Amino acid sequence: MYQESDDKLRGSAGSDTFILIMLIAIFFIAGAIAAFLRAKFDSPLPMYIAGVVFAGILYLVYRLRLVGWRYTVFYEEPKPEYDPRFDEEIIHEDYPYPVGTVVIERIVSAKGEIAAVIDSSEISAILEPGASAECGEELVFGPRKKEKSSSLLVTRDGKTSRIYFTPSERFLSYVRGLTEGK
């Protein structure tokens, strides 16, 4: 199994804490400025503008920090490893999907929701960014635009779909290995 994430910005607990403190500071500063302008011009409009700006900042943080994509490919059977507790070779991993499966998940704040489960027998082609192909449906499972994303042509029930996603070259090599072994 090989798994990777495609987040726009990778952060740590320290940087996330810093962003939270900055958001709180911005909230209070914007509130003070809006209260001053409200008193000076005798209008509630500055409070509404401050609320909209703060909501926009929260949405930006949500899109850049909390939302991402996780790609998983099950390319080989789990290998047994020696475990000294039992003094024998055991398999530590138990795959939830059979070998030859590609799973794409949408991650929101470290919680994943499965967007697509693709069997290697359903993959018609792996296309580089910018390549054209005939398909009935297009699905985007990545943070980049379609023109900059790799894609899979998937055929299910006689219908061809194009799935745009943004994995690394290593991930694509594992998927190519699965499709060549069909």
N, C-alpha and C. Protein backbone atom coordinates (compact mmCIF):
# COMPACT_ATOMS: atom_id res chain seq x y z
N MET A 1 0.85 -1.17 0.00
CA MET A 1 0.00 0.00 0.00
C MET A 1 0.90 1.24 0.00
N TYR A 2 0.51 2.22 -0.80
CA TYR A 2 1.20 3.49 -0.80
C TYR A 2 0.14 4.57 -0.68
N GLN A 3 0.39 5.54 0.21
CA GLN A 3 -0.59 6.59 0.46
C GLN A 3 0.11 7.94 0.52
N GLU A 4 -0.55 8.95 -0.05
CA GLU A 4 -0.01 10.30 0.02
C GLU A 4 -1.16 11.30 0.06
N SER A 5 -0.84 12.49 0.55
CA SER A 5 -1.83 13.56 0.63
C SER A 5 -1.41 14.69 -0.29
N ASP A 6 -2.39 15.40 -0.78
CA ASP A 6 -2.14 16.56 -1.63
C ASP A 6 -2.87 17.75 -1.00
N ASP A 7 -2.17 18.44 -0.12
CA ASP A 7 -2.73 19.62 0.52
C ASP A 7 -2.11 20.84 -0.11
N LYS A 8 -2.85 21.94 -0.14
CA LYS A 8 -2.29 23.16 -0.70
C LYS A 8 -1.17 23.69 0.19
N LEU A 9 -1.39 23.73 1.46
CA LEU A 9 -0.37 24.18 2.40
C LEU A 9 -0.23 23.12 3.48
N ARG A 10 0.97 22.68 3.70
CA ARG A 10 1.18 21.71 4.77
C ARG A 10 1.57 22.49 6.02
N GLY A 11 0.93 22.17 7.11
CA GLY A 11 1.20 22.91 8.34
C GLY A 11 1.54 21.98 9.48
N SER A 12 1.93 22.58 10.57
CA SER A 12 2.23 21.84 11.77
C SER A 12 1.34 22.39 12.88
N ALA A 13 1.39 21.75 14.04
CA ALA A 13 0.59 22.21 15.16
C ALA A 13 1.00 23.63 15.57
N GLY A 14 2.29 23.93 15.49
CA GLY A 14 2.75 25.27 15.84
C GLY A 14 2.22 26.33 14.90
N SER A 15 2.27 26.06 13.59
CA SER A 15 1.77 27.05 12.64
C SER A 15 0.25 27.17 12.71
N ASP A 16 -0.44 26.07 13.00
CA ASP A 16 -1.89 26.14 13.16
C ASP A 16 -2.27 26.95 14.39
N THR A 17 -1.51 26.82 15.47
CA THR A 17 -1.76 27.61 16.68
C THR A 17 -1.52 29.08 16.40
N PHE A 18 -0.45 29.38 15.67
CA PHE A 18 -0.16 30.76 15.29
C PHE A 18 -1.30 31.36 14.47
N ILE A 19 -1.82 30.60 13.52
CA ILE A 19 -2.92 31.08 12.69
C ILE A 19 -4.16 31.33 13.55
N LEU A 20 -4.43 30.46 14.50
CA LEU A 20 -5.58 30.64 15.39
C LEU A 20 -5.43 31.93 16.20
N ILE A 21 -4.25 32.17 16.75
CA ILE A 21 -4.01 33.39 17.54
C ILE A 21 -4.17 34.62 16.65
N MET A 22 -3.65 34.55 15.42
CA MET A 22 -3.78 35.67 14.49
C MET A 22 -5.25 35.93 14.14
N LEU A 23 -6.03 34.88 13.96
CA LEU A 23 -7.46 35.06 13.65
C LEU A 23 -8.19 35.74 14.80
N ILE A 24 -7.87 35.35 16.02
CA ILE A 24 -8.50 35.98 17.19
C ILE A 24 -8.11 37.45 17.27
N ALA A 25 -6.82 37.74 17.03
CA ALA A 25 -6.37 39.13 17.06
C ALA A 25 -7.05 39.95 15.96
N ILE A 26 -7.13 39.40 14.76
CA ILE A 26 -7.80 40.10 13.65
C ILE A 26 -9.26 40.36 13.98
N PHE A 27 -9.91 39.38 14.61
CA PHE A 27 -11.32 39.52 14.99
C PHE A 27 -11.50 40.72 15.93
N PHE A 28 -10.66 40.81 16.96
CA PHE A 28 -10.80 41.90 17.92
C PHE A 28 -10.41 43.25 17.31
N ILE A 29 -9.36 43.29 16.50
CA ILE A 29 -8.96 44.55 15.86
C ILE A 29 -10.04 45.04 14.90
N ALA A 30 -10.57 44.11 14.08
CA ALA A 30 -11.63 44.48 13.14
C ALA A 30 -12.88 44.92 13.89
N GLY A 31 -13.18 44.27 15.00
CA GLY A 31 -14.34 44.68 15.81
C GLY A 31 -14.16 46.06 16.40
N ALA A 32 -12.96 46.38 16.87
CA ALA A 32 -12.71 47.70 17.44
C ALA A 32 -12.81 48.77 16.35
N ILE A 33 -12.22 48.51 15.19
CA ILE A 33 -12.30 49.47 14.09
C ILE A 33 -13.75 49.65 13.64
N ALA A 34 -14.50 48.56 13.53
CA ALA A 34 -15.90 48.65 13.11
C ALA A 34 -16.74 49.39 14.15
N ALA A 35 -16.47 49.18 15.44
CA ALA A 35 -17.21 49.90 16.49
C ALA A 35 -16.91 51.39 16.43
N PHE A 36 -15.62 51.74 16.19
CA PHE A 36 -15.26 53.15 16.06
C PHE A 36 -15.97 53.78 14.87
N LEU A 37 -15.92 53.11 13.72
CA LEU A 37 -16.56 53.66 12.52
C LEU A 37 -18.09 53.74 12.68
N ARG A 38 -18.65 52.78 13.39
CA ARG A 38 -20.10 52.78 13.61
C ARG A 38 -20.49 54.00 14.46
N ALA A 39 -19.70 54.29 15.49
CA ALA A 39 -19.99 55.44 16.33
C ALA A 39 -19.75 56.75 15.58
N LYS A 40 -18.72 56.79 14.77
CA LYS A 40 -18.38 58.02 14.05
C LYS A 40 -19.41 58.36 12.98
N PHE A 41 -19.86 57.34 12.23
CA PHE A 41 -20.79 57.59 11.12
C PHE A 41 -22.23 57.25 11.47
N ASP A 42 -22.47 56.75 12.66
CA ASP A 42 -23.81 56.41 13.13
C ASP A 42 -24.54 55.47 12.15
N SER A 43 -23.81 54.38 11.76
CA SER A 43 -24.37 53.42 10.81
C SER A 43 -23.88 52.01 11.18
N PRO A 44 -24.74 51.01 11.03
CA PRO A 44 -24.30 49.63 11.32
C PRO A 44 -23.50 48.99 10.18
N LEU A 45 -23.34 49.69 9.06
CA LEU A 45 -22.66 49.15 7.88
C LEU A 45 -21.24 48.66 8.17
N PRO A 46 -20.41 49.40 8.95
CA PRO A 46 -19.06 48.88 9.22
C PRO A 46 -19.05 47.53 9.95
N MET A 47 -20.03 47.29 10.80
CA MET A 47 -20.10 46.00 11.49
C MET A 47 -20.38 44.87 10.48
N TYR A 48 -21.27 45.14 9.53
CA TYR A 48 -21.56 44.13 8.51
C TYR A 48 -20.35 43.85 7.64
N ILE A 49 -19.64 44.92 7.26
CA ILE A 49 -18.45 44.76 6.43
C ILE A 49 -17.39 43.97 7.19
N ALA A 50 -17.19 44.28 8.47
CA ALA A 50 -16.21 43.54 9.28
C ALA A 50 -16.60 42.07 9.38
N GLY A 51 -17.88 41.78 9.53
CA GLY A 51 -18.35 40.39 9.60
C GLY A 51 -18.09 39.64 8.31
N VAL A 52 -18.34 40.29 7.17
CA VAL A 52 -18.12 39.66 5.88
C VAL A 52 -16.62 39.41 5.65
N VAL A 53 -15.78 40.39 6.00
CA VAL A 53 -14.34 40.22 5.83
C VAL A 53 -13.83 39.08 6.71
N PHE A 54 -14.28 39.03 7.95
CA PHE A 54 -13.83 37.96 8.85
C PHE A 54 -14.32 36.60 8.36
N ALA A 55 -15.55 36.51 7.88
CA ALA A 55 -16.05 35.25 7.33
C ALA A 55 -15.24 34.84 6.11
N GLY A 56 -14.84 35.80 5.29
CA GLY A 56 -13.99 35.49 4.13
C GLY A 56 -12.63 34.96 4.55
N ILE A 57 -12.05 35.55 5.60
CA ILE A 57 -10.76 35.06 6.10
C ILE A 57 -10.90 33.65 6.64
N LEU A 58 -11.97 33.37 7.37
CA LEU A 58 -12.20 32.02 7.88
C LEU A 58 -12.35 31.01 6.74
N TYR A 59 -13.08 31.39 5.70
CA TYR A 59 -13.25 30.50 4.56
C TYR A 59 -11.92 30.24 3.87
N LEU A 60 -11.08 31.28 3.74
CA LEU A 60 -9.76 31.13 3.13
C LEU A 60 -8.90 30.17 3.93
N VAL A 61 -8.91 30.31 5.26
CA VAL A 61 -8.15 29.39 6.11
C VAL A 61 -8.69 27.97 5.96
N TYR A 62 -10.00 27.82 5.91
CA TYR A 62 -10.62 26.51 5.72
C TYR A 62 -10.15 25.87 4.41
N ARG A 63 -10.17 26.64 3.32
CA ARG A 63 -9.79 26.08 2.02
C ARG A 63 -8.30 25.77 1.93
N LEU A 64 -7.46 26.61 2.54
CA LEU A 64 -6.02 26.43 2.41
C LEU A 64 -5.42 25.47 3.44
N ARG A 65 -6.00 25.36 4.61
CA ARG A 65 -5.37 24.60 5.68
C ARG A 65 -6.11 23.31 6.04
N LEU A 66 -7.42 23.29 5.92
CA LEU A 66 -8.17 22.16 6.45
C LEU A 66 -8.68 21.19 5.40
N VAL A 67 -8.64 21.56 4.14
CA VAL A 67 -9.18 20.70 3.09
C VAL A 67 -8.04 20.16 2.23
N GLY A 68 -8.06 18.89 1.97
CA GLY A 68 -7.04 18.29 1.13
C GLY A 68 -7.56 17.00 0.51
N TRP A 69 -6.69 16.29 -0.16
CA TRP A 69 -7.03 15.03 -0.81
C TRP A 69 -6.01 13.98 -0.42
N ARG A 70 -6.46 12.77 -0.19
CA ARG A 70 -5.57 11.65 0.12
C ARG A 70 -5.78 10.58 -0.94
N TYR A 71 -4.66 10.12 -1.52
CA TYR A 71 -4.70 9.08 -2.55
C TYR A 71 -4.01 7.83 -2.00
N THR A 72 -4.65 6.69 -2.19
CA THR A 72 -4.11 5.42 -1.72
C THR A 72 -4.16 4.41 -2.85
N VAL A 73 -3.07 3.66 -3.03
CA VAL A 73 -3.05 2.58 -4.01
C VAL A 73 -2.59 1.32 -3.29
N PHE A 74 -3.34 0.25 -3.46
CA PHE A 74 -2.98 -1.06 -2.90
C PHE A 74 -2.32 -1.84 -4.03
N TYR A 75 -1.00 -1.83 -4.07
CA TYR A 75 -0.27 -2.37 -5.21
C TYR A 75 0.35 -3.73 -4.96
N GLU A 76 0.42 -4.18 -3.70
CA GLU A 76 0.97 -5.51 -3.41
C GLU A 76 0.38 -6.04 -2.12
N GLU A 77 0.46 -7.35 -1.97
CA GLU A 77 -0.04 -7.98 -0.75
C GLU A 77 0.83 -7.55 0.44
N PRO A 78 0.23 -7.40 1.62
CA PRO A 78 1.06 -7.07 2.79
C PRO A 78 2.06 -8.18 3.08
N LYS A 79 3.26 -7.78 3.47
CA LYS A 79 4.32 -8.76 3.71
C LYS A 79 4.39 -9.09 5.20
N PRO A 80 4.64 -10.35 5.53
CA PRO A 80 4.79 -10.70 6.95
C PRO A 80 6.10 -10.13 7.51
N GLU A 81 6.04 -9.72 8.75
CA GLU A 81 7.20 -9.18 9.44
C GLU A 81 7.40 -9.94 10.75
N TYR A 82 8.64 -10.02 11.17
CA TYR A 82 8.93 -10.71 12.42
C TYR A 82 8.47 -9.86 13.60
N ASP A 83 7.70 -10.45 14.50
CA ASP A 83 7.23 -9.79 15.70
C ASP A 83 7.79 -10.53 16.91
N PRO A 84 8.69 -9.91 17.68
CA PRO A 84 9.31 -10.60 18.81
C PRO A 84 8.32 -10.95 19.92
N ARG A 85 7.18 -10.28 19.97
CA ARG A 85 6.19 -10.61 21.00
C ARG A 85 5.65 -12.02 20.82
N PHE A 86 5.50 -12.42 19.58
CA PHE A 86 4.95 -13.75 19.29
C PHE A 86 6.02 -14.71 18.80
N ASP A 87 7.22 -14.21 18.57
CA ASP A 87 8.35 -15.00 18.06
C ASP A 87 8.01 -15.71 16.76
N GLU A 88 7.35 -14.97 15.88
CA GLU A 88 7.02 -15.51 14.56
C GLU A 88 6.74 -14.38 13.58
N GLU A 89 6.65 -14.75 12.33
CA GLU A 89 6.33 -13.79 11.27
C GLU A 89 4.82 -13.61 11.22
N ILE A 90 4.35 -12.36 11.31
CA ILE A 90 2.92 -12.09 11.21
C ILE A 90 2.70 -10.92 10.27
N ILE A 91 1.47 -10.77 9.79
CA ILE A 91 1.10 -9.66 8.91
C ILE A 91 0.46 -8.59 9.79
N HIS A 92 1.09 -7.42 9.84
CA HIS A 92 0.59 -6.34 10.68
C HIS A 92 -0.54 -5.55 10.01
N GLU A 93 -0.50 -5.47 8.70
CA GLU A 93 -1.51 -4.69 7.98
C GLU A 93 -2.65 -5.59 7.52
N ASP A 94 -3.84 -5.06 7.60
CA ASP A 94 -5.02 -5.74 7.07
C ASP A 94 -5.70 -4.75 6.13
N TYR A 95 -5.56 -4.97 4.83
CA TYR A 95 -6.08 -4.02 3.85
C TYR A 95 -7.61 -4.07 3.81
N PRO A 96 -8.23 -2.89 3.78
CA PRO A 96 -9.69 -2.85 3.65
C PRO A 96 -10.17 -3.09 2.21
N TYR A 97 -9.23 -3.03 1.25
CA TYR A 97 -9.57 -3.23 -0.16
C TYR A 97 -8.61 -4.25 -0.76
N PRO A 98 -9.03 -4.93 -1.82
CA PRO A 98 -8.12 -5.90 -2.45
C PRO A 98 -6.98 -5.21 -3.18
N VAL A 99 -5.92 -5.95 -3.42
CA VAL A 99 -4.77 -5.42 -4.16
C VAL A 99 -5.25 -5.05 -5.56
N GLY A 100 -4.80 -3.90 -6.06
CA GLY A 100 -5.23 -3.42 -7.36
C GLY A 100 -6.30 -2.35 -7.25
N THR A 101 -6.50 -1.80 -6.05
CA THR A 101 -7.53 -0.79 -5.84
C THR A 101 -6.88 0.56 -5.60
N VAL A 102 -7.48 1.60 -6.17
CA VAL A 102 -7.07 2.99 -5.94
C VAL A 102 -8.22 3.66 -5.20
N VAL A 103 -7.90 4.32 -4.07
CA VAL A 103 -8.91 5.00 -3.27
C VAL A 103 -8.57 6.48 -3.21
N ILE A 104 -9.55 7.32 -3.49
CA ILE A 104 -9.37 8.77 -3.41
C ILE A 104 -10.32 9.29 -2.34
N GLU A 105 -9.76 10.04 -1.37
CA GLU A 105 -10.54 10.57 -0.27
C GLU A 105 -10.42 12.08 -0.22
N ARG A 106 -11.50 12.73 0.15
CA ARG A 106 -11.48 14.16 0.44
C ARG A 106 -11.28 14.29 1.94
N ILE A 107 -10.26 15.04 2.34
CA ILE A 107 -9.92 15.19 3.74
C ILE A 107 -10.34 16.58 4.21
N VAL A 108 -11.12 16.62 5.28
CA VAL A 108 -11.49 17.87 5.91
C VAL A 108 -11.10 17.76 7.37
N SER A 109 -10.09 18.52 7.74
CA SER A 109 -9.59 18.54 9.12
C SER A 109 -9.26 17.13 9.62
N ALA A 110 -8.48 16.40 8.83
CA ALA A 110 -7.96 15.06 9.14
C ALA A 110 -9.03 13.96 9.12
N LYS A 111 -10.25 14.27 8.73
CA LYS A 111 -11.29 13.26 8.61
C LYS A 111 -11.56 13.03 7.13
N GLY A 112 -11.45 11.78 6.71
CA GLY A 112 -11.59 11.48 5.29
C GLY A 112 -12.97 10.99 4.91
N GLU A 113 -13.39 11.38 3.73
CA GLU A 113 -14.64 10.89 3.14
C GLU A 113 -14.27 10.33 1.77
N ILE A 114 -14.58 9.08 1.52
CA ILE A 114 -14.18 8.43 0.28
C ILE A 114 -14.94 9.04 -0.89
N ALA A 115 -14.18 9.52 -1.87
CA ALA A 115 -14.76 10.12 -3.06
C ALA A 115 -14.85 9.11 -4.20
N ALA A 116 -13.86 8.20 -4.29
CA ALA A 116 -13.86 7.21 -5.37
C ALA A 116 -13.05 5.99 -4.96
N VAL A 117 -13.56 4.82 -5.34
CA VAL A 117 -12.84 3.56 -5.19
C VAL A 117 -12.78 2.95 -6.59
N ILE A 118 -11.56 2.77 -7.10
CA ILE A 118 -11.37 2.34 -8.49
C ILE A 118 -10.57 1.05 -8.50
N ASP A 119 -11.08 0.05 -9.19
CA ASP A 119 -10.35 -1.20 -9.38
C ASP A 119 -9.44 -1.03 -10.60
N SER A 120 -8.29 -1.68 -10.57
CA SER A 120 -7.33 -1.52 -11.68
C SER A 120 -7.91 -2.02 -13.00
N SER A 121 -8.84 -2.95 -12.96
CA SER A 121 -9.45 -3.44 -14.20
C SER A 121 -10.36 -2.38 -14.84
N GLU A 122 -10.77 -1.37 -14.09
CA GLU A 122 -11.63 -0.31 -14.61
C GLU A 122 -10.83 0.84 -15.24
N ILE A 123 -9.52 0.89 -14.99
CA ILE A 123 -8.70 1.98 -15.50
C ILE A 123 -8.34 1.72 -16.96
N SER A 124 -8.80 2.60 -17.85
CA SER A 124 -8.50 2.48 -19.28
C SER A 124 -7.17 3.09 -19.64
N ALA A 125 -6.87 4.26 -19.03
CA ALA A 125 -5.62 4.96 -19.35
C ALA A 125 -5.26 5.92 -18.22
N ILE A 126 -3.97 6.21 -18.16
CA ILE A 126 -3.45 7.22 -17.24
C ILE A 126 -2.92 8.35 -18.11
N LEU A 127 -3.50 9.54 -17.94
CA LEU A 127 -3.15 10.66 -18.81
C LEU A 127 -2.36 11.72 -18.07
N GLU A 128 -1.39 12.31 -18.76
CA GLU A 128 -0.59 13.40 -18.20
C GLU A 128 -1.41 14.69 -18.26
N PRO A 129 -1.00 15.71 -17.49
CA PRO A 129 -1.71 17.00 -17.55
C PRO A 129 -1.74 17.57 -18.96
N GLY A 130 -2.90 18.05 -19.36
CA GLY A 130 -3.05 18.65 -20.68
C GLY A 130 -3.45 17.69 -21.78
N ALA A 131 -3.41 16.38 -21.52
CA ALA A 131 -3.79 15.41 -22.56
C ALA A 131 -5.30 15.42 -22.75
N SER A 132 -5.74 15.18 -23.98
CA SER A 132 -7.17 15.16 -24.26
C SER A 132 -7.66 13.74 -24.46
N ALA A 133 -8.91 13.53 -24.13
CA ALA A 133 -9.53 12.20 -24.29
C ALA A 133 -11.05 12.36 -24.28
N GLU A 134 -11.70 11.44 -24.96
CA GLU A 134 -13.16 11.44 -25.01
C GLU A 134 -13.69 10.75 -23.75
N CYS A 135 -14.63 11.41 -23.07
CA CYS A 135 -15.25 10.81 -21.89
C CYS A 135 -16.63 11.42 -21.68
N GLY A 136 -17.43 10.70 -20.92
CA GLY A 136 -18.79 11.16 -20.66
C GLY A 136 -18.88 12.08 -19.46
N GLU A 137 -18.11 11.80 -18.43
CA GLU A 137 -18.19 12.56 -17.19
C GLU A 137 -16.79 12.94 -16.73
N GLU A 138 -16.65 14.13 -16.18
CA GLU A 138 -15.36 14.58 -15.66
C GLU A 138 -15.52 14.87 -14.16
N LEU A 139 -14.63 14.30 -13.36
CA LEU A 139 -14.64 14.50 -11.91
C LEU A 139 -13.29 15.07 -11.50
N VAL A 140 -13.29 16.09 -10.65
CA VAL A 140 -12.05 16.71 -10.19
C VAL A 140 -11.86 16.36 -8.72
N PHE A 141 -10.80 15.60 -8.44
CA PHE A 141 -10.48 15.19 -7.08
C PHE A 141 -9.09 15.68 -6.70
N GLY A 142 -8.89 16.96 -6.73
CA GLY A 142 -7.60 17.53 -6.38
C GLY A 142 -7.71 19.04 -6.28
N PRO A 143 -6.71 19.67 -5.67
CA PRO A 143 -6.79 21.11 -5.46
C PRO A 143 -6.41 21.96 -6.68
N ARG A 144 -5.82 21.36 -7.68
CA ARG A 144 -5.37 22.13 -8.85
C ARG A 144 -6.42 22.14 -9.95
N LYS A 145 -6.21 23.03 -10.91
CA LYS A 145 -7.11 23.10 -12.06
C LYS A 145 -6.93 21.85 -12.92
N LYS A 146 -7.94 21.56 -13.74
CA LYS A 146 -7.90 20.37 -14.59
C LYS A 146 -6.70 20.39 -15.54
N GLU A 147 -6.34 21.56 -16.03
CA GLU A 147 -5.25 21.65 -16.99
C GLU A 147 -3.91 21.24 -16.38
N LYS A 148 -3.78 21.32 -15.05
CA LYS A 148 -2.53 21.01 -14.37
C LYS A 148 -2.58 19.69 -13.61
N SER A 149 -3.63 18.90 -13.83
CA SER A 149 -3.82 17.66 -13.10
C SER A 149 -3.65 16.44 -14.00
N SER A 150 -3.13 15.37 -13.43
CA SER A 150 -3.11 14.08 -14.13
C SER A 150 -4.54 13.55 -14.10
N SER A 151 -4.80 12.54 -14.89
CA SER A 151 -6.15 11.99 -14.88
C SER A 151 -6.15 10.50 -15.20
N LEU A 152 -7.20 9.87 -14.75
CA LEU A 152 -7.45 8.45 -15.04
C LEU A 152 -8.71 8.36 -15.88
N LEU A 153 -8.68 7.55 -16.92
CA LEU A 153 -9.90 7.23 -17.64
C LEU A 153 -10.42 5.93 -17.05
N VAL A 154 -11.62 5.99 -16.51
CA VAL A 154 -12.22 4.86 -15.82
C VAL A 154 -13.48 4.45 -16.57
N THR A 155 -13.57 3.16 -16.90
CA THR A 155 -14.74 2.65 -17.60
C THR A 155 -15.53 1.75 -16.66
N ARG A 156 -16.77 2.15 -16.38
CA ARG A 156 -17.68 1.38 -15.53
C ARG A 156 -19.02 1.28 -16.24
N ASP A 157 -19.54 0.10 -16.30
CA ASP A 157 -20.85 -0.15 -16.92
C ASP A 157 -20.95 0.46 -18.31
N GLY A 158 -19.88 0.40 -19.07
CA GLY A 158 -19.87 0.92 -20.43
C GLY A 158 -19.73 2.42 -20.56
N LYS A 159 -19.63 3.13 -19.43
CA LYS A 159 -19.49 4.59 -19.45
C LYS A 159 -18.06 4.95 -19.04
N THR A 160 -17.49 5.89 -19.76
CA THR A 160 -16.12 6.33 -19.46
C THR A 160 -16.15 7.65 -18.72
N SER A 161 -15.46 7.68 -17.59
CA SER A 161 -15.33 8.89 -16.79
C SER A 161 -13.86 9.28 -16.73
N ARG A 162 -13.62 10.56 -16.63
CA ARG A 162 -12.26 11.06 -16.47
C ARG A 162 -12.13 11.64 -15.08
N ILE A 163 -11.19 11.11 -14.31
CA ILE A 163 -10.98 11.56 -12.94
C ILE A 163 -9.68 12.34 -12.89
N TYR A 164 -9.80 13.65 -12.60
CA TYR A 164 -8.63 14.51 -12.46
C TYR A 164 -8.16 14.46 -11.01
N PHE A 165 -6.85 14.24 -10.80
CA PHE A 165 -6.29 14.25 -9.47
C PHE A 165 -4.82 14.63 -9.57
N THR A 166 -4.17 14.89 -8.43
CA THR A 166 -2.82 15.43 -8.46
C THR A 166 -1.86 14.60 -7.60
N PRO A 167 -1.58 13.37 -8.01
CA PRO A 167 -0.64 12.55 -7.25
C PRO A 167 0.81 12.80 -7.68
N SER A 168 1.72 12.21 -6.93
CA SER A 168 3.14 12.30 -7.28
C SER A 168 3.45 11.30 -8.39
N GLU A 169 4.63 11.41 -8.94
CA GLU A 169 5.07 10.47 -9.98
C GLU A 169 5.21 9.06 -9.40
N ARG A 170 5.62 8.96 -8.15
CA ARG A 170 5.74 7.65 -7.50
C ARG A 170 4.38 6.96 -7.44
N PHE A 171 3.34 7.70 -7.04
CA PHE A 171 2.00 7.13 -6.98
C PHE A 171 1.56 6.66 -8.37
N LEU A 172 1.79 7.49 -9.38
CA LEU A 172 1.40 7.12 -10.74
C LEU A 172 2.16 5.89 -11.23
N SER A 173 3.41 5.73 -10.80
CA SER A 173 4.17 4.54 -11.21
C SER A 173 3.55 3.27 -10.63
N TYR A 174 3.06 3.34 -9.40
CA TYR A 174 2.38 2.17 -8.81
C TYR A 174 1.09 1.86 -9.57
N VAL A 175 0.34 2.89 -9.93
CA VAL A 175 -0.91 2.68 -10.68
C VAL A 175 -0.59 2.13 -12.07
N ARG A 176 0.45 2.64 -12.72
CA ARG A 176 0.85 2.10 -14.03
C ARG A 176 1.24 0.62 -13.90
N GLY A 177 1.93 0.27 -12.82
CA GLY A 177 2.30 -1.14 -12.59
C GLY A 177 1.08 -2.02 -12.46
N LEU A 178 0.01 -1.50 -11.85
CA LEU A 178 -1.23 -2.29 -11.72
C LEU A 178 -1.90 -2.47 -13.08
N THR A 179 -1.94 -1.39 -13.88
CA THR A 179 -2.64 -1.47 -15.16
C THR A 179 -1.86 -2.30 -16.19
N GLU A 180 -0.53 -2.32 -16.08
CA GLU A 180 0.27 -3.13 -17.00
C GLU A 180 0.15 -4.60 -16.67
N GLY A 181 -0.17 -4.92 -15.43
CA GLY A 181 -0.28 -6.32 -15.02
C GLY A 181 -1.67 -6.90 -15.24
N LYS A 182 -2.54 -6.18 -15.94
CA LYS A 182 -3.91 -6.67 -16.17
C LYS A 182 -3.90 -7.93 -17.01
